[in-house]
Amino acid sequence: MKQYLLSIYQPDGDPPPPEVMDPIMRRLDALNEEMRAAGAWVFAAGLHPPGTATVLHARGDDMLVTDGPFAEGKEHLGGFTVIRAPDLHAALAWGRRLAEVITLPIEVRPLYGEG
């Protein structure tokens, strides 16, 4: 089986209030359990805001270290899930479910060297 990265993109700014976020997190926990039961779930994590990032640029023998984020935009990578799926069609089905649960855009990408 191949592995796929389901990237969660969220808008910059403050997170939704608990009355909005709590039901989403409950649905996300249920989806993660469903993926585990199906043998699809590998790993998932949320990320701290982009302002906490440190960017490294190799410049010959020097290393330029700057505060992040590397790219600036109106949205950022807020978290991700790595899944196992037999093909892209199956990975897209899990990505679609994730998008429905958290109501944010999901990018589905295969990992190199898998399957």
PDB file of N, CA and C in Angstrom:
ATOM      1  N   MET A   1       0.831  -1.184   0.000  1.00  0.00           N
ATOM      2  CA  MET A   1       0.000   0.000   0.000  1.00  0.00           C
ATOM      3  C   MET A   1       0.872   1.242   0.000  1.00  0.00           C
ATOM      4  N   LYS A   2       0.407   2.236  -0.708  1.00  0.00           N
ATOM      5  CA  LYS A   2       1.100   3.521  -0.739  1.00  0.00           C
ATOM      6  C   LYS A   2       0.725   4.341   0.486  1.00  0.00           C
ATOM      7  N   GLN A   3       1.580   5.314   0.781  1.00  0.00           N
ATOM      8  CA  GLN A   3       1.253   6.277   1.826  1.00  0.00           C
ATOM      9  C   GLN A   3       0.982   7.627   1.169  1.00  0.00           C
ATOM     10  N   TYR A   4       0.043   8.348   1.749  1.00  0.00           N
ATOM     11  CA  TYR A   4      -0.367   9.655   1.241  1.00  0.00           C
ATOM     12  C   TYR A   4      -0.367  10.660   2.381  1.00  0.00           C
ATOM     13  N   LEU A   5      -0.002  11.895   2.046  1.00  0.00           N
ATOM     14  CA  LEU A   5      -0.040  13.002   2.989  1.00  0.00           C
ATOM     15  C   LEU A   5      -1.328  13.782   2.741  1.00  0.00           C
ATOM     16  N   LEU A   6      -2.144  13.915   3.773  1.00  0.00           N
ATOM     17  CA  LEU A   6      -3.336  14.749   3.709  1.00  0.00           C
ATOM     18  C   LEU A   6      -3.011  16.032   4.458  1.00  0.00           C
ATOM     19  N   SER A   7      -2.721  17.097   3.720  1.00  0.00           N
ATOM     20  CA  SER A   7      -2.322  18.373   4.315  1.00  0.00           C
ATOM     21  C   SER A   7      -3.553  19.230   4.577  1.00  0.00           C
ATOM     22  N   ILE A   8      -3.625  19.793   5.761  1.00  0.00           N
ATOM     23  CA  ILE A   8      -4.753  20.623   6.171  1.00  0.00           C
ATOM     24  C   ILE A   8      -4.333  22.085   6.097  1.00  0.00           C
ATOM     25  N   TYR A   9      -5.016  22.845   5.250  1.00  0.00           N
ATOM     26  CA  TYR A   9      -4.709  24.267   5.111  1.00  0.00           C
ATOM     27  C   TYR A   9      -5.775  25.076   5.828  1.00  0.00           C
ATOM     28  N   GLN A  10      -5.309  25.974   6.689  1.00  0.00           N
ATOM     29  CA  GLN A  10      -6.244  26.788   7.451  1.00  0.00           C
ATOM     30  C   GLN A  10      -5.927  28.258   7.261  1.00  0.00           C
ATOM     31  N   PRO A  11      -6.944  29.123   7.407  1.00  0.00           N
ATOM     32  CA  PRO A  11      -6.704  30.548   7.237  1.00  0.00           C
ATOM     33  C   PRO A  11      -5.855  31.096   8.378  1.00  0.00           C
ATOM     34  N   ASP A  12      -5.075  32.127   8.073  1.00  0.00           N
ATOM     35  CA  ASP A  12      -4.310  32.803   9.116  1.00  0.00           C
ATOM     36  C   ASP A  12      -5.287  33.473  10.080  1.00  0.00           C
ATOM     37  N   GLY A  13      -4.827  33.695  11.280  1.00  0.00           N
ATOM     38  CA  GLY A  13      -5.647  34.371  12.281  1.00  0.00           C
ATOM     39  C   GLY A  13      -5.981  33.449  13.432  1.00  0.00           C
ATOM     40  N   ASP A  14      -6.801  33.952  14.308  1.00  0.00           N
ATOM     41  CA  ASP A  14      -7.184  33.200  15.500  1.00  0.00           C
ATOM     42  C   ASP A  14      -8.031  31.993  15.132  1.00  0.00           C
ATOM     43  N   PRO A  15      -7.895  30.909  15.895  1.00  0.00           N
ATOM     44  CA  PRO A  15      -8.748  29.745  15.653  1.00  0.00           C
ATOM     45  C   PRO A  15     -10.192  30.052  16.038  1.00  0.00           C
ATOM     46  N   PRO A  16     -11.122  29.241  15.550  1.00  0.00           N
ATOM     47  CA  PRO A  16     -12.526  29.449  15.929  1.00  0.00           C
ATOM     48  C   PRO A  16     -12.718  29.281  17.432  1.00  0.00           C
ATOM     49  N   PRO A  17     -13.791  29.855  17.985  1.00  0.00           N
ATOM     50  CA  PRO A  17     -14.068  29.704  19.418  1.00  0.00           C
ATOM     51  C   PRO A  17     -14.419  28.250  19.749  1.00  0.00           C
ATOM     52  N   PRO A  18     -14.317  27.886  21.024  1.00  0.00           N
ATOM     53  CA  PRO A  18     -14.577  26.500  21.441  1.00  0.00           C
ATOM     54  C   PRO A  18     -15.926  25.949  20.983  1.00  0.00           C
ATOM     55  N   GLU A  19     -16.964  26.770  20.961  1.00  0.00           N
ATOM     56  CA  GLU A  19     -18.273  26.260  20.556  1.00  0.00           C
ATOM     57  C   GLU A  19     -18.302  25.819  19.091  1.00  0.00           C
ATOM     58  N   VAL A  20     -17.375  26.344  18.295  1.00  0.00           N
ATOM     59  CA  VAL A  20     -17.238  25.906  16.900  1.00  0.00           C
ATOM     60  C   VAL A  20     -16.217  24.777  16.808  1.00  0.00           C
ATOM     61  N   MET A  21     -15.096  24.922  17.508  1.00  0.00           N
ATOM     62  CA  MET A  21     -13.982  23.978  17.395  1.00  0.00           C
ATOM     63  C   MET A  21     -14.247  22.635  18.070  1.00  0.00           C
ATOM     64  N   ASP A  22     -14.912  22.628  19.212  1.00  0.00           N
ATOM     65  CA  ASP A  22     -15.116  21.369  19.947  1.00  0.00           C
ATOM     66  C   ASP A  22     -15.865  20.309  19.136  1.00  0.00           C
ATOM     67  N   PRO A  23     -16.982  20.652  18.473  1.00  0.00           N
ATOM     68  CA  PRO A  23     -17.658  19.632  17.667  1.00  0.00           C
ATOM     69  C   PRO A  23     -16.787  19.133  16.502  1.00  0.00           C
ATOM     70  N   ILE A  24     -16.009  20.032  15.926  1.00  0.00           N
ATOM     71  CA  ILE A  24     -15.108  19.632  14.833  1.00  0.00           C
ATOM     72  C   ILE A  24     -14.086  18.637  15.357  1.00  0.00           C
ATOM     73  N   MET A  25     -13.505  18.908  16.517  1.00  0.00           N
ATOM     74  CA  MET A  25     -12.494  18.008  17.076  1.00  0.00           C
ATOM     75  C   MET A  25     -13.092  16.647  17.438  1.00  0.00           C
ATOM     76  N   ARG A  26     -14.329  16.625  17.916  1.00  0.00           N
ATOM     77  CA  ARG A  26     -14.982  15.335  18.201  1.00  0.00           C
ATOM     78  C   ARG A  26     -15.169  14.528  16.915  1.00  0.00           C
ATOM     79  N   ARG A  27     -15.595  15.204  15.845  1.00  0.00           N
ATOM     80  CA  ARG A  27     -15.777  14.512  14.554  1.00  0.00           C
ATOM     81  C   ARG A  27     -14.429  14.053  14.007  1.00  0.00           C
ATOM     82  N   LEU A  28     -13.384  14.866  14.211  1.00  0.00           N
ATOM     83  CA  LEU A  28     -12.051  14.486  13.762  1.00  0.00           C
ATOM     84  C   LEU A  28     -11.547  13.263  14.524  1.00  0.00           C
ATOM     85  N   ASP A  29     -11.743  13.236  15.829  1.00  0.00           N
ATOM     86  CA  ASP A  29     -11.352  12.064  16.624  1.00  0.00           C
ATOM     87  C   ASP A  29     -12.066  10.807  16.121  1.00  0.00           C
ATOM     88  N   ALA A  30     -13.361  10.926  15.816  1.00  0.00           N
ATOM     89  CA  ALA A  30     -14.127   9.784  15.312  1.00  0.00           C
ATOM     90  C   ALA A  30     -13.598   9.326  13.955  1.00  0.00           C
ATOM     91  N   LEU A  31     -13.258  10.283  13.080  1.00  0.00           N
ATOM     92  CA  LEU A  31     -12.707   9.919  11.768  1.00  0.00           C
ATOM     93  C   LEU A  31     -11.352   9.241  11.924  1.00  0.00           C
ATOM     94  N   ASN A  32     -10.507   9.763  12.812  1.00  0.00           N
ATOM     95  CA  ASN A  32      -9.202   9.121  13.049  1.00  0.00           C
ATOM     96  C   ASN A  32      -9.382   7.689  13.538  1.00  0.00           C
ATOM     97  N   GLU A  33     -10.346   7.460  14.409  1.00  0.00           N
ATOM     98  CA  GLU A  33     -10.622   6.095  14.888  1.00  0.00           C
ATOM     99  C   GLU A  33     -11.094   5.205  13.742  1.00  0.00           C
ATOM    100  N   GLU A  34     -11.919   5.763  12.863  1.00  0.00           N
ATOM    101  CA  GLU A  34     -12.392   5.003  11.702  1.00  0.00           C
ATOM    102  C   GLU A  34     -11.222   4.637  10.790  1.00  0.00           C
ATOM    103  N   MET A  35     -10.312   5.573  10.577  1.00  0.00           N
ATOM    104  CA  MET A  35      -9.135   5.292   9.747  1.00  0.00           C
ATOM    105  C   MET A  35      -8.252   4.237  10.401  1.00  0.00           C
ATOM    106  N   ARG A  36      -8.087   4.300  11.720  1.00  0.00           N
ATOM    107  CA  ARG A  36      -7.302   3.282  12.434  1.00  0.00           C
ATOM    108  C   ARG A  36      -7.941   1.902  12.256  1.00  0.00           C
ATOM    109  N   ALA A  37      -9.252   1.831  12.455  1.00  0.00           N
ATOM    110  CA  ALA A  37      -9.969   0.554  12.336  1.00  0.00           C
ATOM    111  C   ALA A  37      -9.861  -0.020  10.925  1.00  0.00           C
ATOM    112  N   ALA A  38      -9.780   0.851   9.929  1.00  0.00           N
ATOM    113  CA  ALA A  38      -9.664   0.416   8.532  1.00  0.00           C
ATOM    114  C   ALA A  38      -8.220   0.107   8.141  1.00  0.00           C
ATOM    115  N   GLY A  39      -7.264   0.373   9.042  1.00  0.00           N
ATOM    116  CA  GLY A  39      -5.851   0.147   8.727  1.00  0.00           C
ATOM    117  C   GLY A  39      -5.245   1.217   7.851  1.00  0.00           C
ATOM    118  N   ALA A  40      -5.917   2.369   7.731  1.00  0.00           N
ATOM    119  CA  ALA A  40      -5.433   3.446   6.860  1.00  0.00           C
ATOM    120  C   ALA A  40      -4.583   4.468   7.605  1.00  0.00           C
ATOM    121  N   TRP A  41      -4.840   4.670   8.896  1.00  0.00           N
ATOM    122  CA  TRP A  41      -4.193   5.731   9.658  1.00  0.00           C
ATOM    123  C   TRP A  41      -2.753   5.356   9.975  1.00  0.00           C
ATOM    124  N   VAL A  42      -1.813   6.269   9.710  1.00  0.00           N
ATOM    125  CA  VAL A  42      -0.400   6.079  10.050  1.00  0.00           C
ATOM    126  C   VAL A  42       0.013   7.062  11.137  1.00  0.00           C
ATOM    127  N   PHE A  43      -0.262   8.350  10.912  1.00  0.00           N
ATOM    128  CA  PHE A  43       0.217   9.390  11.826  1.00  0.00           C
ATOM    129  C   PHE A  43      -0.537  10.677  11.523  1.00  0.00           C
ATOM    130  N   ALA A  44      -0.787  11.472  12.550  1.00  0.00           N
ATOM    131  CA  ALA A  44      -1.411  12.779  12.362  1.00  0.00           C
ATOM    132  C   ALA A  44      -0.856  13.745  13.401  1.00  0.00           C
ATOM    133  N   ALA A  45      -0.819  15.030  13.048  1.00  0.00           N
ATOM    134  CA  ALA A  45      -0.344  16.042  13.979  1.00  0.00           C
ATOM    135  C   ALA A  45      -0.830  17.417  13.547  1.00  0.00           C
ATOM    136  N   GLY A  46      -1.043  18.259  14.549  1.00  0.00           N
ATOM    137  CA  GLY A  46      -1.297  19.670  14.302  1.00  0.00           C
ATOM    138  C   GLY A  46       0.001  20.433  14.461  1.00  0.00           C
ATOM    139  N   LEU A  47       0.060  21.594  13.869  1.00  0.00           N
ATOM    140  CA  LEU A  47       1.277  22.402  13.918  1.00  0.00           C
ATOM    141  C   LEU A  47       1.017  23.717  14.647  1.00  0.00           C
ATOM    142  N   HIS A  48       2.054  24.239  15.289  1.00  0.00           N
ATOM    143  CA  HIS A  48       1.976  25.573  15.882  1.00  0.00           C
ATOM    144  C   HIS A  48       1.856  26.587  14.744  1.00  0.00           C
ATOM    145  N   PRO A  49       1.453  27.822  15.026  1.00  0.00           N
ATOM    146  CA  PRO A  49       1.297  28.842  13.987  1.00  0.00           C
ATOM    147  C   PRO A  49       2.596  29.062  13.208  1.00  0.00           C
ATOM    148  N   PRO A  50       2.486  29.533  11.957  1.00  0.00           N
ATOM    149  CA  PRO A  50       3.662  29.722  11.108  1.00  0.00           C
ATOM    150  C   PRO A  50       4.704  30.659  11.704  1.00  0.00           C
ATOM    151  N   GLY A  51       4.303  31.592  12.543  1.00  0.00           N
ATOM    152  CA  GLY A  51       5.248  32.513  13.165  1.00  0.00           C
ATOM    153  C   GLY A  51       6.241  31.829  14.086  1.00  0.00           C
ATOM    154  N   THR A  52       5.987  30.586  14.456  1.00  0.00           N
ATOM    155  CA  THR A  52       6.908  29.844  15.314  1.00  0.00           C
ATOM    156  C   THR A  52       7.976  29.105  14.517  1.00  0.00           C
ATOM    157  N   ALA A  53       7.879  29.155  13.192  1.00  0.00           N
ATOM    158  CA  ALA A  53       8.822  28.425  12.335  1.00  0.00           C
ATOM    159  C   ALA A  53      10.185  29.117  12.281  1.00  0.00           C
ATOM    160  N   THR A  54      11.212  28.333  12.043  1.00  0.00           N
ATOM    161  CA  THR A  54      12.553  28.833  11.756  1.00  0.00           C
ATOM    162  C   THR A  54      12.953  28.272  10.394  1.00  0.00           C
ATOM    163  N   VAL A  55      13.448  29.138   9.521  1.00  0.00           N
ATOM    164  CA  VAL A  55      13.778  28.737   8.155  1.00  0.00           C
ATOM    165  C   VAL A  55      15.293  28.718   7.997  1.00  0.00           C
ATOM    166  N   LEU A  56      15.812  27.630   7.430  1.00  0.00           N
ATOM    167  CA  LEU A  56      17.246  27.473   7.173  1.00  0.00           C
ATOM    168  C   LEU A  56      17.494  27.513   5.668  1.00  0.00           C
ATOM    169  N   HIS A  57      18.443  28.348   5.248  1.00  0.00           N
ATOM    170  CA  HIS A  57      18.838  28.448   3.844  1.00  0.00           C
ATOM    171  C   HIS A  57      20.329  28.153   3.750  1.00  0.00           C
ATOM    172  N   ALA A  58      20.701  27.075   3.062  1.00  0.00           N
ATOM    173  CA  ALA A  58      22.111  26.778   2.846  1.00  0.00           C
ATOM    174  C   ALA A  58      22.629  27.696   1.748  1.00  0.00           C
ATOM    175  N   ARG A  59      23.688  28.414   2.034  1.00  0.00           N
ATOM    176  CA  ARG A  59      24.314  29.349   1.082  1.00  0.00           C
ATOM    177  C   ARG A  59      25.797  29.019   1.016  1.00  0.00           C
ATOM    178  N   GLY A  60      26.142  28.013   0.199  1.00  0.00           N
ATOM    179  CA  GLY A  60      27.529  27.576   0.155  1.00  0.00           C
ATOM    180  C   GLY A  60      27.919  26.975   1.487  1.00  0.00           C
ATOM    181  N   ASP A  61      28.963  27.533   2.117  1.00  0.00           N
ATOM    182  CA  ASP A  61      29.402  27.052   3.425  1.00  0.00           C
ATOM    183  C   ASP A  61      28.650  27.715   4.579  1.00  0.00           C
ATOM    184  N   ASP A  62      27.796  28.689   4.263  1.00  0.00           N
ATOM    185  CA  ASP A  62      27.055  29.414   5.294  1.00  0.00           C
ATOM    186  C   ASP A  62      25.625  28.884   5.416  1.00  0.00           C
ATOM    187  N   MET A  63      25.059  29.139   6.576  1.00  0.00           N
ATOM    188  CA  MET A  63      23.668  28.782   6.810  1.00  0.00           C
ATOM    189  C   MET A  63      22.940  30.031   7.288  1.00  0.00           C
ATOM    190  N   LEU A  64      21.987  30.488   6.491  1.00  0.00           N
ATOM    191  CA  LEU A  64      21.174  31.637   6.856  1.00  0.00           C
ATOM    192  C   LEU A  64      19.990  31.126   7.666  1.00  0.00           C
ATOM    193  N   VAL A  65      19.812  31.658   8.859  1.00  0.00           N
ATOM    194  CA  VAL A  65      18.725  31.253   9.751  1.00  0.00           C
ATOM    195  C   VAL A  65      17.815  32.463   9.945  1.00  0.00           C
ATOM    196  N   THR A  66      16.535  32.311   9.589  1.00  0.00           N
ATOM    197  CA  THR A  66      15.581  33.410   9.737  1.00  0.00           C
ATOM    198  C   THR A  66      14.320  32.909  10.424  1.00  0.00           C
ATOM    199  N   ASP A  67      13.594  33.844  11.031  1.00  0.00           N
ATOM    200  CA  ASP A  67      12.295  33.507  11.585  1.00  0.00           C
ATOM    201  C   ASP A  67      11.353  33.207  10.437  1.00  0.00           C
ATOM    202  N   GLY A  68      10.448  32.262  10.659  1.00  0.00           N
ATOM    203  CA  GLY A  68       9.509  31.855   9.630  1.00  0.00           C
ATOM    204  C   GLY A  68       8.309  32.782   9.584  1.00  0.00           C
ATOM    205  N   PRO A  69       7.410  32.480   8.736  1.00  0.00           N
ATOM    206  CA  PRO A  69       7.390  31.320   7.853  1.00  0.00           C
ATOM    207  C   PRO A  69       8.173  31.574   6.570  1.00  0.00           C
ATOM    208  N   PHE A  70       8.471  30.487   5.834  1.00  0.00           N
ATOM    209  CA  PHE A  70       9.180  30.611   4.563  1.00  0.00           C
ATOM    210  C   PHE A  70       8.300  31.334   3.551  1.00  0.00           C
ATOM    211  N   ALA A  71       7.073  30.893   3.421  1.00  0.00           N
ATOM    212  CA  ALA A  71       6.125  31.514   2.487  1.00  0.00           C
ATOM    213  C   ALA A  71       5.064  32.259   3.283  1.00  0.00           C
ATOM    214  N   GLU A  72       4.689  33.427   2.797  1.00  0.00           N
ATOM    215  CA  GLU A  72       3.633  34.172   3.454  1.00  0.00           C
ATOM    216  C   GLU A  72       2.398  34.139   2.574  1.00  0.00           C
ATOM    217  N   GLY A  73       1.258  33.982   3.210  1.00  0.00           N
ATOM    218  CA  GLY A  73       0.007  33.938   2.472  1.00  0.00           C
ATOM    219  C   GLY A  73      -1.154  34.146   3.418  1.00  0.00           C
ATOM    220  N   LYS A  74      -2.348  33.936   2.902  1.00  0.00           N
ATOM    221  CA  LYS A  74      -3.558  34.105   3.697  1.00  0.00           C
ATOM    222  C   LYS A  74      -3.949  32.810   4.399  1.00  0.00           C
ATOM    223  N   GLU A  75      -3.257  31.728   4.089  1.00  0.00           N
ATOM    224  CA  GLU A  75      -3.489  30.455   4.763  1.00  0.00           C
ATOM    225  C   GLU A  75      -2.154  29.758   4.966  1.00  0.00           C
ATOM    226  N   HIS A  76      -2.155  28.731   5.802  1.00  0.00           N
ATOM    227  CA  HIS A  76      -0.909  28.032   6.109  1.00  0.00           C
ATOM    228  C   HIS A  76      -1.210  26.573   6.417  1.00  0.00           C
ATOM    229  N   LEU A  77      -0.156  25.771   6.392  1.00  0.00           N
ATOM    230  CA  LEU A  77      -0.270  24.370   6.755  1.00  0.00           C
ATOM    231  C   LEU A  77      -0.505  24.307   8.258  1.00  0.00           C
ATOM    232  N   GLY A  78      -1.672  23.817   8.652  1.00  0.00           N
ATOM    233  CA  GLY A  78      -2.017  23.794  10.065  1.00  0.00           C
ATOM    234  C   GLY A  78      -1.864  22.429  10.698  1.00  0.00           C
ATOM    235  N   GLY A  79      -1.804  21.401   9.869  1.00  0.00           N
ATOM    236  CA  GLY A  79      -1.668  20.043  10.368  1.00  0.00           C
ATOM    237  C   GLY A  79      -1.673  19.074   9.209  1.00  0.00           C
ATOM    238  N   PHE A  80      -1.549  17.793   9.540  1.00  0.00           N
ATOM    239  CA  PHE A  80      -1.501  16.785   8.480  1.00  0.00           C
ATOM    240  C   PHE A  80      -1.837  15.416   9.038  1.00  0.00           C
ATOM    241  N   THR A  81      -2.197  14.537   8.133  1.00  0.00           N
ATOM    242  CA  THR A  81      -2.418  13.135   8.443  1.00  0.00           C
ATOM    243  C   THR A  81      -1.712  12.321   7.375  1.00  0.00           C
ATOM    244  N   VAL A  82      -1.003  11.276   7.774  1.00  0.00           N
ATOM    245  CA  VAL A  82      -0.399  10.344   6.829  1.00  0.00           C
ATOM    246  C   VAL A  82      -1.254   9.081   6.872  1.00  0.00           C
ATOM    247  N   ILE A  83      -1.676   8.623   5.688  1.00  0.00           N
ATOM    248  CA  ILE A  83      -2.509   7.433   5.609  1.00  0.00           C
ATOM    249  C   ILE A  83      -1.888   6.406   4.665  1.00  0.00           C
ATOM    250  N   ARG A  84      -2.365   5.173   4.775  1.00  0.00           N
ATOM    251  CA  ARG A  84      -2.069   4.114   3.813  1.00  0.00           C
ATOM    252  C   ARG A  84      -3.323   3.914   2.979  1.00  0.00           C
ATOM    253  N   ALA A  85      -3.146   3.797   1.681  1.00  0.00           N
ATOM    254  CA  ALA A  85      -4.281   3.544   0.793  1.00  0.00           C
ATOM    255  C   ALA A  85      -3.784   2.755  -0.417  1.00  0.00           C
ATOM    256  N   PRO A  86      -4.636   1.901  -0.978  1.00  0.00           N
ATOM    257  CA  PRO A  86      -4.209   1.095  -2.118  1.00  0.00           C
ATOM    258  C   PRO A  86      -3.964   1.911  -3.384  1.00  0.00           C
ATOM    259  N   ASP A  87      -4.626   3.079  -3.495  1.00  0.00           N
ATOM    260  CA  ASP A  87      -4.472   3.899  -4.696  1.00  0.00           C
ATOM    261  C   ASP A  87      -4.954   5.322  -4.408  1.00  0.00           C
ATOM    262  N   LEU A  88      -4.771   6.189  -5.394  1.00  0.00           N
ATOM    263  CA  LEU A  88      -5.162   7.589  -5.229  1.00  0.00           C
ATOM    264  C   LEU A  88      -6.662   7.718  -4.978  1.00  0.00           C
ATOM    265  N   HIS A  89      -7.462   6.918  -5.648  1.00  0.00           N
ATOM    266  CA  HIS A  89      -8.909   6.990  -5.475  1.00  0.00           C
ATOM    267  C   HIS A  89      -9.292   6.791  -4.005  1.00  0.00           C
ATOM    268  N   ALA A  90      -8.712   5.786  -3.368  1.00  0.00           N
ATOM    269  CA  ALA A  90      -8.995   5.520  -1.953  1.00  0.00           C
ATOM    270  C   ALA A  90      -8.466   6.646  -1.068  1.00  0.00           C
ATOM    271  N   ALA A  91      -7.271   7.176  -1.387  1.00  0.00           N
ATOM    272  CA  ALA A  91      -6.708   8.292  -0.616  1.00  0.00           C
ATOM    273  C   ALA A  91      -7.595   9.528  -0.735  1.00  0.00           C
ATOM    274  N   LEU A  92      -8.122   9.776  -1.918  1.00  0.00           N
ATOM    275  CA  LEU A  92      -9.012  10.923  -2.112  1.00  0.00           C
ATOM    276  C   LEU A  92     -10.311  10.754  -1.313  1.00  0.00           C
ATOM    277  N   ALA A  93     -10.780   9.525  -1.186  1.00  0.00           N
ATOM    278  CA  ALA A  93     -11.985   9.279  -0.393  1.00  0.00           C
ATOM    279  C   ALA A  93     -11.744   9.656   1.071  1.00  0.00           C
ATOM    280  N   TRP A  94     -10.582   9.274   1.626  1.00  0.00           N
ATOM    281  CA  TRP A  94     -10.259   9.679   3.003  1.00  0.00           C
ATOM    282  C   TRP A  94     -10.072  11.187   3.087  1.00  0.00           C
ATOM    283  N   GLY A  95      -9.404  11.779   2.097  1.00  0.00           N
ATOM    284  CA  GLY A  95      -9.217  13.235   2.080  1.00  0.00           C
ATOM    285  C   GLY A  95     -10.544  13.968   2.024  1.00  0.00           C
ATOM    286  N   ARG A  96     -11.475  13.455   1.246  1.00  0.00           N
ATOM    287  CA  ARG A  96     -12.807  14.051   1.156  1.00  0.00           C
ATOM    288  C   ARG A  96     -13.505  14.006   2.517  1.00  0.00           C
ATOM    289  N   ARG A  97     -13.414  12.876   3.194  1.00  0.00           N
ATOM    290  CA  ARG A  97     -14.014  12.743   4.527  1.00  0.00           C
ATOM    291  C   ARG A  97     -13.406  13.745   5.501  1.00  0.00           C
ATOM    292  N   LEU A  98     -12.064  13.893   5.438  1.00  0.00           N
ATOM    293  CA  LEU A  98     -11.381  14.833   6.319  1.00  0.00           C
ATOM    294  C   LEU A  98     -11.844  16.261   6.030  1.00  0.00           C
ATOM    295  N   ALA A  99     -11.960  16.621   4.756  1.00  0.00           N
ATOM    296  CA  ALA A  99     -12.418  17.962   4.381  1.00  0.00           C
ATOM    297  C   ALA A  99     -13.835  18.223   4.884  1.00  0.00           C
ATOM    298  N   GLU A 100     -14.684  17.203   4.827  1.00  0.00           N
ATOM    299  CA  GLU A 100     -16.058  17.358   5.309  1.00  0.00           C
ATOM    300  C   GLU A 100     -16.084  17.560   6.826  1.00  0.00           C
ATOM    301  N   VAL A 101     -15.228  16.840   7.535  1.00  0.00           N
ATOM    302  CA  VAL A 101     -15.210  16.900   9.000  1.00  0.00           C
ATOM    303  C   VAL A 101     -14.677  18.237   9.509  1.00  0.00           C
ATOM    304  N   ILE A 102     -13.568  18.691   8.940  1.00  0.00           N
ATOM    305  CA  ILE A 102     -12.958  19.907   9.487  1.00  0.00           C
ATOM    306  C   ILE A 102     -13.293  21.177   8.705  1.00  0.00           C
ATOM    307  N   THR A 103     -13.962  21.021   7.571  1.00  0.00           N
ATOM    308  CA  THR A 103     -14.434  22.137   6.730  1.00  0.00           C
ATOM    309  C   THR A 103     -13.305  23.047   6.237  1.00  0.00           C
ATOM    310  N   LEU A 104     -12.116  22.469   6.048  1.00  0.00           N
ATOM    311  CA  LEU A 104     -10.983  23.216   5.505  1.00  0.00           C
ATOM    312  C   LEU A 104     -10.449  22.476   4.281  1.00  0.00           C
ATOM    313  N   PRO A 105      -9.708  23.171   3.409  1.00  0.00           N
ATOM    314  CA  PRO A 105      -9.135  22.511   2.240  1.00  0.00           C
ATOM    315  C   PRO A 105      -8.109  21.442   2.634  1.00  0.00           C
ATOM    316  N   ILE A 106      -8.112  20.341   1.905  1.00  0.00           N
ATOM    317  CA  ILE A 106      -7.187  19.236   2.120  1.00  0.00           C
ATOM    318  C   ILE A 106      -6.444  18.979   0.814  1.00  0.00           C
ATOM    319  N   GLU A 107      -5.127  18.901   0.884  1.00  0.00           N
ATOM    320  CA  GLU A 107      -4.308  18.526  -0.273  1.00  0.00           C
ATOM    321  C   GLU A 107      -3.863  17.080  -0.064  1.00  0.00           C
ATOM    322  N   VAL A 108      -4.068  16.236  -1.066  1.00  0.00           N
ATOM    323  CA  VAL A 108      -3.690  14.822  -1.004  1.00  0.00           C
ATOM    324  C   VAL A 108      -2.495  14.603  -1.920  1.00  0.00           C
ATOM    325  N   ARG A 109      -1.386  14.088  -1.355  1.00  0.00           N
ATOM    326  CA  ARG A 109      -0.169  13.858  -2.149  1.00  0.00           C
ATOM    327  C   ARG A 109       0.452  12.531  -1.765  1.00  0.00           C
ATOM    328  N   PRO A 110       0.868  11.749  -2.784  1.00  0.00           N
ATOM    329  CA  PRO A 110       1.569  10.492  -2.476  1.00  0.00           C
ATOM    330  C   PRO A 110       2.974  10.775  -1.986  1.00  0.00           C
ATOM    331  N   LEU A 111       3.467   9.902  -1.107  1.00  0.00           N
ATOM    332  CA  LEU A 111       4.852   9.982  -0.641  1.00  0.00           C
ATOM    333  C   LEU A 111       5.725   9.197  -1.612  1.00  0.00           C
ATOM    334  N   TYR A 112       6.927   9.681  -1.863  1.00  0.00           N
ATOM    335  CA  TYR A 112       7.876   8.968  -2.707  1.00  0.00           C
ATOM    336  C   TYR A 112       8.274   7.651  -2.057  1.00  0.00           C
ATOM    337  N   GLY A 113       8.555   6.660  -2.878  1.00  0.00           N
ATOM    338  CA  GLY A 113       9.110   5.411  -2.408  1.00  0.00           C
ATOM    339  C   GLY A 113       8.135   4.518  -1.699  1.00  0.00           C
ATOM    340  N   GLU A 114       6.876   4.807  -1.770  1.00  0.00           N
ATOM    341  CA  GLU A 114       5.868   3.979  -1.114  1.00  0.00           C
ATOM    342  C   GLU A 114       5.112   3.178  -2.138  1.00  0.00           C
ATOM    343  N   GLY A 115       4.884   1.928  -1.863  1.00  0.00           N
ATOM    344  CA  GLY A 115       4.034   1.064  -2.693  1.00  0.00           C
ATOM    345  C   GLY A 115       4.588   0.669  -4.008  1.00  0.00           C
TER     346      GLY A 115
END
